[in-house]
Amino acid sequence: LLSPAEADAMRVAGSAALVKRYFTGRDLMQTMREQYVLDTFGMDGTTLRDRHPSAYQWLFDRVKPERDLNPRESYRMQWWRHAETRSKFRAALQGQQRFIVTSRTARHRIFQFAEATSLPETKVLIVALDDAFSLGVLQSSTHVTFANQTGGWLGVGNDSTYNHSDCFEKFPFPDEDTGLTPPLRARIAQLAEQIDQH
């Protein structure tokens, strides 16, 4: 993790493309912390060292010692990479300015937009849709009720878990055949944008 000051230093050193906003499910549900990571996706160690020497050195000094002790061979051998590459996530978001996120486990089910330049942790579920109508449908009481019934529950507080194959893929999104009109679609999108901005 990079602090805001460390992220600024990386930008000044010419590695702005590697600096990504990082957030967790906790950040979505509470106060969003300002923290960053270096995302070296698609680079081998030599390319990283040659193109971004400051970022390489920062990772070498702070990440490599810990990764040298990691039992996973891929983490030890490719110590400069930020955990898993999540190639499906990256391909699905190609060309998008934003995407929808929710915490996999939460007491209250909240959906919101995240900027495509961010890199959420693995416990944040990503929906590769960028339109406000979809956000409005996912945030609706109908969808949240459906998700709470089809998803699981975890922990002492019985926090709901959002499983994309049950809660998202099986949800019957409204369409013209269910009475969705263009004005209603536009109104849902407008309200969703307002809620997300709030």
C-alpha atoms as a PDB file:
ATOM      1  CA  LEU A   1       0.000   0.000   0.000  1.00  0.00           C
ATOM      2  CA  LEU A   2       1.121   3.513  -0.830  1.00  0.00           C
ATOM      3  CA  SER A   3       0.217   6.553   1.219  1.00  0.00           C
ATOM      4  CA  PRO A   4      -1.026   9.638  -0.654  1.00  0.00           C
ATOM      5  CA  ALA A   5       2.452  11.203  -0.309  1.00  0.00           C
ATOM      6  CA  GLU A   6       4.143   8.059  -1.676  1.00  0.00           C
ATOM      7  CA  ALA A   7       1.639   7.950  -4.548  1.00  0.00           C
ATOM      8  CA  ASP A   8       2.454  11.584  -5.378  1.00  0.00           C
ATOM      9  CA  ALA A   9       6.173  10.802  -5.324  1.00  0.00           C
ATOM     10  CA  MET A  10       5.626   7.926  -7.773  1.00  0.00           C
ATOM     11  CA  ARG A  11       3.679  10.219 -10.086  1.00  0.00           C
ATOM     12  CA  VAL A  12       6.471  12.814  -9.987  1.00  0.00           C
ATOM     13  CA  ALA A  13       9.013  10.053 -10.721  1.00  0.00           C
ATOM     14  CA  GLY A  14       7.166   9.207 -13.958  1.00  0.00           C
ATOM     15  CA  SER A  15       5.157   6.209 -12.776  1.00  0.00           C
ATOM     16  CA  ALA A  16       1.701   7.800 -12.682  1.00  0.00           C
ATOM     17  CA  ALA A  17       0.284   5.033 -14.905  1.00  0.00           C
ATOM     18  CA  LEU A  18       1.125   2.452 -12.239  1.00  0.00           C
ATOM     19  CA  VAL A  19      -0.533   4.277  -9.329  1.00  0.00           C
ATOM     20  CA  LYS A  20      -4.079   3.009  -8.701  1.00  0.00           C
ATOM     21  CA  ARG A  21      -6.581   3.912  -6.014  1.00  0.00           C
ATOM     22  CA  TYR A  22      -7.085   0.876  -3.755  1.00  0.00           C
ATOM     23  CA  PHE A  23     -10.121   0.141  -1.629  1.00  0.00           C
ATOM     24  CA  THR A  24     -11.620  -2.709   0.358  1.00  0.00           C
ATOM     25  CA  GLY A  25     -15.149  -3.797   1.197  1.00  0.00           C
ATOM     26  CA  ARG A  26     -14.754  -2.002   4.507  1.00  0.00           C
ATOM     27  CA  ASP A  27     -13.952   1.223   2.666  1.00  0.00           C
ATOM     28  CA  LEU A  28     -17.179   0.890   0.679  1.00  0.00           C
ATOM     29  CA  MET A  29     -19.265   0.418   3.816  1.00  0.00           C
ATOM     30  CA  GLN A  30     -17.534   2.947   6.066  1.00  0.00           C
ATOM     31  CA  THR A  31     -15.328   5.965   5.409  1.00  0.00           C
ATOM     32  CA  MET A  32     -13.244   5.605   2.257  1.00  0.00           C
ATOM     33  CA  ARG A  33      -9.552   5.684   3.098  1.00  0.00           C
ATOM     34  CA  GLU A  34      -7.120   7.254   0.665  1.00  0.00           C
ATOM     35  CA  GLN A  35      -4.628   4.567  -0.227  1.00  0.00           C
ATOM     36  CA  TYR A  36      -2.961   3.420  -3.411  1.00  0.00           C
ATOM     37  CA  VAL A  37      -1.087   0.498  -4.916  1.00  0.00           C
ATOM     38  CA  LEU A  38       1.388   0.047  -7.734  1.00  0.00           C
ATOM     39  CA  ASP A  39      -0.251  -1.976 -10.474  1.00  0.00           C
ATOM     40  CA  THR A  40       2.420  -3.514 -12.695  1.00  0.00           C
ATOM     41  CA  PHE A  41       0.024  -5.677 -14.712  1.00  0.00           C
ATOM     42  CA  GLY A  42       1.527  -6.810 -18.012  1.00  0.00           C
ATOM     43  CA  MET A  43       5.129  -6.019 -17.090  1.00  0.00           C
ATOM     44  CA  ASP A  44       7.971  -8.380 -16.443  1.00  0.00           C
ATOM     45  CA  GLY A  45      10.602  -7.417 -13.891  1.00  0.00           C
ATOM     46  CA  THR A  46      13.093  -6.131 -16.450  1.00  0.00           C
ATOM     47  CA  THR A  47      10.558  -3.891 -18.188  1.00  0.00           C
ATOM     48  CA  LEU A  48       9.416  -2.504 -14.857  1.00  0.00           C
ATOM     49  CA  ARG A  49      13.001  -1.787 -13.787  1.00  0.00           C
ATOM     50  CA  ASP A  50      13.847  -0.088 -17.104  1.00  0.00           C
ATOM     51  CA  ARG A  51      10.689   2.010 -17.479  1.00  0.00           C
ATOM     52  CA  HIS A  52       9.866   2.749 -13.838  1.00  0.00           C
ATOM     53  CA  PRO A  53      13.062   2.510 -11.755  1.00  0.00           C
ATOM     54  CA  SER A  54      11.597   4.325  -8.721  1.00  0.00           C
ATOM     55  CA  ALA A  55       8.579   2.025  -8.604  1.00  0.00           C
ATOM     56  CA  TYR A  56      10.815  -1.013  -9.092  1.00  0.00           C
ATOM     57  CA  GLN A  57      13.068   0.050  -6.219  1.00  0.00           C
ATOM     58  CA  TRP A  58      10.098   0.790  -3.945  1.00  0.00           C
ATOM     59  CA  LEU A  59       8.663  -2.681  -4.602  1.00  0.00           C
ATOM     60  CA  PHE A  60      12.076  -4.331  -4.315  1.00  0.00           C
ATOM     61  CA  ASP A  61      12.687  -2.759  -0.884  1.00  0.00           C
ATOM     62  CA  ARG A  62       9.211  -3.234   0.596  1.00  0.00           C
ATOM     63  CA  VAL A  63       7.478  -6.098  -1.198  1.00  0.00           C
ATOM     64  CA  LYS A  64      10.161  -8.532  -2.293  1.00  0.00           C
ATOM     65  CA  PRO A  65      11.406  -9.413   1.244  1.00  0.00           C
ATOM     66  CA  GLU A  66       7.875 -10.440   2.243  1.00  0.00           C
ATOM     67  CA  ARG A  67       7.179 -12.241  -1.033  1.00  0.00           C
ATOM     68  CA  ASP A  68      10.422 -14.222  -0.700  1.00  0.00           C
ATOM     69  CA  LEU A  69       8.752 -15.954   2.262  1.00  0.00           C
ATOM     70  CA  ASN A  70       5.400 -16.548   0.570  1.00  0.00           C
ATOM     71  CA  PRO A  71       4.514 -20.244   0.087  1.00  0.00           C
ATOM     72  CA  ARG A  72       2.939 -19.550  -3.327  1.00  0.00           C
ATOM     73  CA  GLU A  73       5.601 -19.916  -5.997  1.00  0.00           C
ATOM     74  CA  SER A  74       3.951 -17.410  -8.352  1.00  0.00           C
ATOM     75  CA  TYR A  75       4.014 -14.743  -5.617  1.00  0.00           C
ATOM     76  CA  ARG A  76       7.682 -15.430  -4.867  1.00  0.00           C
ATOM     77  CA  MET A  77       8.791 -15.496  -8.496  1.00  0.00           C
ATOM     78  CA  GLN A  78       6.719 -12.500  -9.667  1.00  0.00           C
ATOM     79  CA  TRP A  79       7.079 -10.413  -6.533  1.00  0.00           C
ATOM     80  CA  TRP A  80       6.537  -7.073  -8.331  1.00  0.00           C
ATOM     81  CA  ARG A  81       2.951  -7.941  -9.319  1.00  0.00           C
ATOM     82  CA  HIS A  82       0.000  -6.882  -7.214  1.00  0.00           C
ATOM     83  CA  ALA A  83      -1.386 -10.269  -6.120  1.00  0.00           C
ATOM     84  CA  GLU A  84      -3.430 -11.980  -8.834  1.00  0.00           C
ATOM     85  CA  THR A  85      -3.613 -10.406 -12.280  1.00  0.00           C
ATOM     86  CA  ARG A  86      -7.436 -10.733 -12.474  1.00  0.00           C
ATOM     87  CA  SER A  87      -7.321 -10.825 -16.269  1.00  0.00           C
ATOM     88  CA  LYS A  88     -11.090 -11.424 -16.623  1.00  0.00           C
ATOM     89  CA  PHE A  89     -11.776  -8.322 -14.563  1.00  0.00           C
ATOM     90  CA  ARG A  90      -9.403  -6.256 -16.691  1.00  0.00           C
ATOM     91  CA  ALA A  91     -10.791  -7.525 -20.005  1.00  0.00           C
ATOM     92  CA  ALA A  92     -14.389  -6.888 -18.912  1.00  0.00           C
ATOM     93  CA  LEU A  93     -13.585  -3.285 -18.001  1.00  0.00           C
ATOM     94  CA  GLN A  94     -11.712  -2.452 -21.207  1.00  0.00           C
ATOM     95  CA  GLY A  95     -12.827   0.983 -22.409  1.00  0.00           C
ATOM     96  CA  GLN A  96     -15.082   1.726 -19.423  1.00  0.00           C
ATOM     97  CA  GLN A  97     -14.729   4.866 -17.307  1.00  0.00           C
ATOM     98  CA  ARG A  98     -16.372   3.285 -14.272  1.00  0.00           C
ATOM     99  CA  PHE A  99     -17.883   0.055 -12.950  1.00  0.00           C
ATOM    100  CA  ILE A 100     -20.274  -1.020 -10.209  1.00  0.00           C
ATOM    101  CA  VAL A 101     -18.997  -2.471  -6.924  1.00  0.00           C
ATOM    102  CA  THR A 102     -20.375  -3.954  -3.726  1.00  0.00           C
ATOM    103  CA  SER A 103     -18.726  -5.652  -0.776  1.00  0.00           C
ATOM    104  CA  ARG A 104     -18.984  -9.447  -0.980  1.00  0.00           C
ATOM    105  CA  THR A 105     -19.982  -9.555   2.685  1.00  0.00           C
ATOM    106  CA  ALA A 106     -21.907  -6.712   4.312  1.00  0.00           C
ATOM    107  CA  ARG A 107     -24.625  -6.043   6.831  1.00  0.00           C
ATOM    108  CA  HIS A 108     -26.259  -3.623   4.395  1.00  0.00           C
ATOM    109  CA  ARG A 109     -26.187  -4.256   0.636  1.00  0.00           C
ATOM    110  CA  ILE A 110     -24.920  -1.118  -1.111  1.00  0.00           C
ATOM    111  CA  PHE A 111     -23.918  -0.733  -4.763  1.00  0.00           C
ATOM    112  CA  GLN A 112     -21.913   2.198  -6.100  1.00  0.00           C
ATOM    113  CA  PHE A 113     -19.706   3.298  -8.970  1.00  0.00           C
ATOM    114  CA  ALA A 114     -15.923   3.080  -8.840  1.00  0.00           C
ATOM    115  CA  GLU A 115     -13.548   4.698 -11.287  1.00  0.00           C
ATOM    116  CA  ALA A 116     -12.009   2.358 -13.838  1.00  0.00           C
ATOM    117  CA  THR A 117      -8.570   3.575 -12.751  1.00  0.00           C
ATOM    118  CA  SER A 118      -9.028   2.012  -9.312  1.00  0.00           C
ATOM    119  CA  LEU A 119      -8.032  -1.467  -8.197  1.00  0.00           C
ATOM    120  CA  PRO A 120     -10.360  -2.950  -5.564  1.00  0.00           C
ATOM    121  CA  GLU A 121      -9.333  -5.820  -3.321  1.00  0.00           C
ATOM    122  CA  THR A 122     -10.656  -9.330  -3.955  1.00  0.00           C
ATOM    123  CA  LYS A 123     -13.481  -9.056  -1.406  1.00  0.00           C
ATOM    124  CA  VAL A 124     -15.075  -6.322  -3.488  1.00  0.00           C
ATOM    125  CA  LEU A 125     -17.420  -7.760  -6.080  1.00  0.00           C
ATOM    126  CA  ILE A 126     -17.129  -6.050  -9.462  1.00  0.00           C
ATOM    127  CA  VAL A 127     -20.015  -5.719 -11.910  1.00  0.00           C
ATOM    128  CA  ALA A 128     -18.621  -4.727 -15.300  1.00  0.00           C
ATOM    129  CA  LEU A 129     -21.474  -2.360 -16.121  1.00  0.00           C
ATOM    130  CA  ASP A 130     -21.087   1.392 -16.295  1.00  0.00           C
ATOM    131  CA  ASP A 131     -24.643   2.626 -16.858  1.00  0.00           C
ATOM    132  CA  ALA A 132     -26.720   4.268 -14.150  1.00  0.00           C
ATOM    133  CA  PHE A 133     -29.828   2.245 -14.997  1.00  0.00           C
ATOM    134  CA  SER A 134     -28.030  -0.977 -14.033  1.00  0.00           C
ATOM    135  CA  LEU A 135     -26.815   0.639 -10.830  1.00  0.00           C
ATOM    136  CA  GLY A 136     -30.386   1.696 -10.047  1.00  0.00           C
ATOM    137  CA  VAL A 137     -31.728  -1.816 -10.583  1.00  0.00           C
ATOM    138  CA  LEU A 138     -28.990  -3.397  -8.458  1.00  0.00           C
ATOM    139  CA  GLN A 139     -29.544  -0.871  -5.654  1.00  0.00           C
ATOM    140  CA  SER A 140     -33.323  -1.343  -5.757  1.00  0.00           C
ATOM    141  CA  SER A 141     -35.104  -2.947  -2.824  1.00  0.00           C
ATOM    142  CA  THR A 142     -36.316  -5.666  -5.206  1.00  0.00           C
ATOM    143  CA  HIS A 143     -32.790  -6.718  -6.124  1.00  0.00           C
ATOM    144  CA  VAL A 144     -31.430  -6.379  -2.582  1.00  0.00           C
ATOM    145  CA  THR A 145     -34.274  -8.551  -1.257  1.00  0.00           C
ATOM    146  CA  PHE A 146     -33.612 -11.104  -4.013  1.00  0.00           C
ATOM    147  CA  ALA A 147     -29.878 -11.084  -3.234  1.00  0.00           C
ATOM    148  CA  ASN A 148     -30.493 -11.528   0.488  1.00  0.00           C
ATOM    149  CA  GLN A 149     -32.755 -14.514  -0.221  1.00  0.00           C
ATOM    150  CA  THR A 150     -30.469 -16.225  -2.743  1.00  0.00           C
ATOM    151  CA  GLY A 151     -27.079 -15.318  -1.264  1.00  0.00           C
ATOM    152  CA  GLY A 152     -25.576 -16.688   1.892  1.00  0.00           C
ATOM    153  CA  TRP A 153     -25.007 -15.373   5.384  1.00  0.00           C
ATOM    154  CA  LEU A 154     -21.739 -15.105   7.247  1.00  0.00           C
ATOM    155  CA  GLY A 155     -20.507 -14.345  10.719  1.00  0.00           C
ATOM    156  CA  VAL A 156     -22.028 -13.673  14.101  1.00  0.00           C
ATOM    157  CA  GLY A 157     -24.002 -10.692  12.826  1.00  0.00           C
ATOM    158  CA  ASN A 158     -25.396 -12.724   9.939  1.00  0.00           C
ATOM    159  CA  ASP A 159     -23.966 -10.419   7.295  1.00  0.00           C
ATOM    160  CA  SER A 160     -25.220 -11.140   3.797  1.00  0.00           C
ATOM    161  CA  THR A 161     -22.837 -12.470   1.175  1.00  0.00           C
ATOM    162  CA  TYR A 162     -23.258 -11.531  -2.464  1.00  0.00           C
ATOM    163  CA  ASN A 163     -22.533 -14.410  -4.810  1.00  0.00           C
ATOM    164  CA  HIS A 164     -22.506 -13.248  -8.423  1.00  0.00           C
ATOM    165  CA  SER A 165     -23.657 -16.580  -9.872  1.00  0.00           C
ATOM    166  CA  ASP A 166     -26.751 -16.681  -7.628  1.00  0.00           C
ATOM    167  CA  CYS A 167     -27.480 -13.059  -6.780  1.00  0.00           C
ATOM    168  CA  PHE A 168     -26.567 -11.361 -10.061  1.00  0.00           C
ATOM    169  CA  GLU A 169     -26.798 -13.883 -12.874  1.00  0.00           C
ATOM    170  CA  LYS A 170     -30.152 -15.306 -11.751  1.00  0.00           C
ATOM    171  CA  PHE A 171     -31.795 -11.937 -11.109  1.00  0.00           C
ATOM    172  CA  PRO A 172     -34.467 -11.088 -13.720  1.00  0.00           C
ATOM    173  CA  PHE A 173     -33.441  -7.608 -14.838  1.00  0.00           C
ATOM    174  CA  PRO A 174     -36.446  -5.557 -15.951  1.00  0.00           C
ATOM    175  CA  ASP A 175     -36.892  -5.007 -19.673  1.00  0.00           C
ATOM    176  CA  GLU A 176     -39.563  -3.881 -22.125  1.00  0.00           C
ATOM    177  CA  ASP A 177     -41.417  -7.184 -21.755  1.00  0.00           C
ATOM    178  CA  THR A 178     -41.858  -6.501 -18.024  1.00  0.00           C
ATOM    179  CA  GLY A 179     -43.258  -2.983 -18.460  1.00  0.00           C
ATOM    180  CA  LEU A 180     -40.016  -1.025 -18.545  1.00  0.00           C
ATOM    181  CA  THR A 181     -40.553   2.053 -20.695  1.00  0.00           C
ATOM    182  CA  PRO A 182     -37.848   4.449 -21.954  1.00  0.00           C
ATOM    183  CA  PRO A 183     -39.037   7.220 -19.582  1.00  0.00           C
ATOM    184  CA  LEU A 184     -38.975   4.815 -16.620  1.00  0.00           C
ATOM    185  CA  ARG A 185     -35.489   3.596 -17.597  1.00  0.00           C
ATOM    186  CA  ALA A 186     -34.305   7.218 -17.765  1.00  0.00           C
ATOM    187  CA  ARG A 187     -35.883   8.040 -14.384  1.00  0.00           C
ATOM    188  CA  ILE A 188     -34.218   5.032 -12.708  1.00  0.00           C
ATOM    189  CA  ALA A 189     -30.870   6.082 -14.200  1.00  0.00           C
ATOM    190  CA  GLN A 190     -31.332   9.675 -13.042  1.00  0.00           C
ATOM    191  CA  LEU A 191     -32.147   8.621  -9.474  1.00  0.00           C
ATOM    192  CA  ALA A 192     -29.261   6.163  -9.397  1.00  0.00           C
ATOM    193  CA  GLU A 193     -26.798   8.893 -10.436  1.00  0.00           C
ATOM    194  CA  GLN A 194     -28.164  11.151  -7.682  1.00  0.00           C
ATOM    195  CA  ILE A 195     -27.873   8.414  -5.048  1.00  0.00           C
ATOM    196  CA  ASP A 196     -24.345   7.543  -6.171  1.00  0.00           C
ATOM    197  CA  GLN A 197     -23.257  11.191  -6.061  1.00  0.00           C
ATOM    198  CA  HIS A 198     -24.765  11.553  -2.580  1.00  0.00           C
END
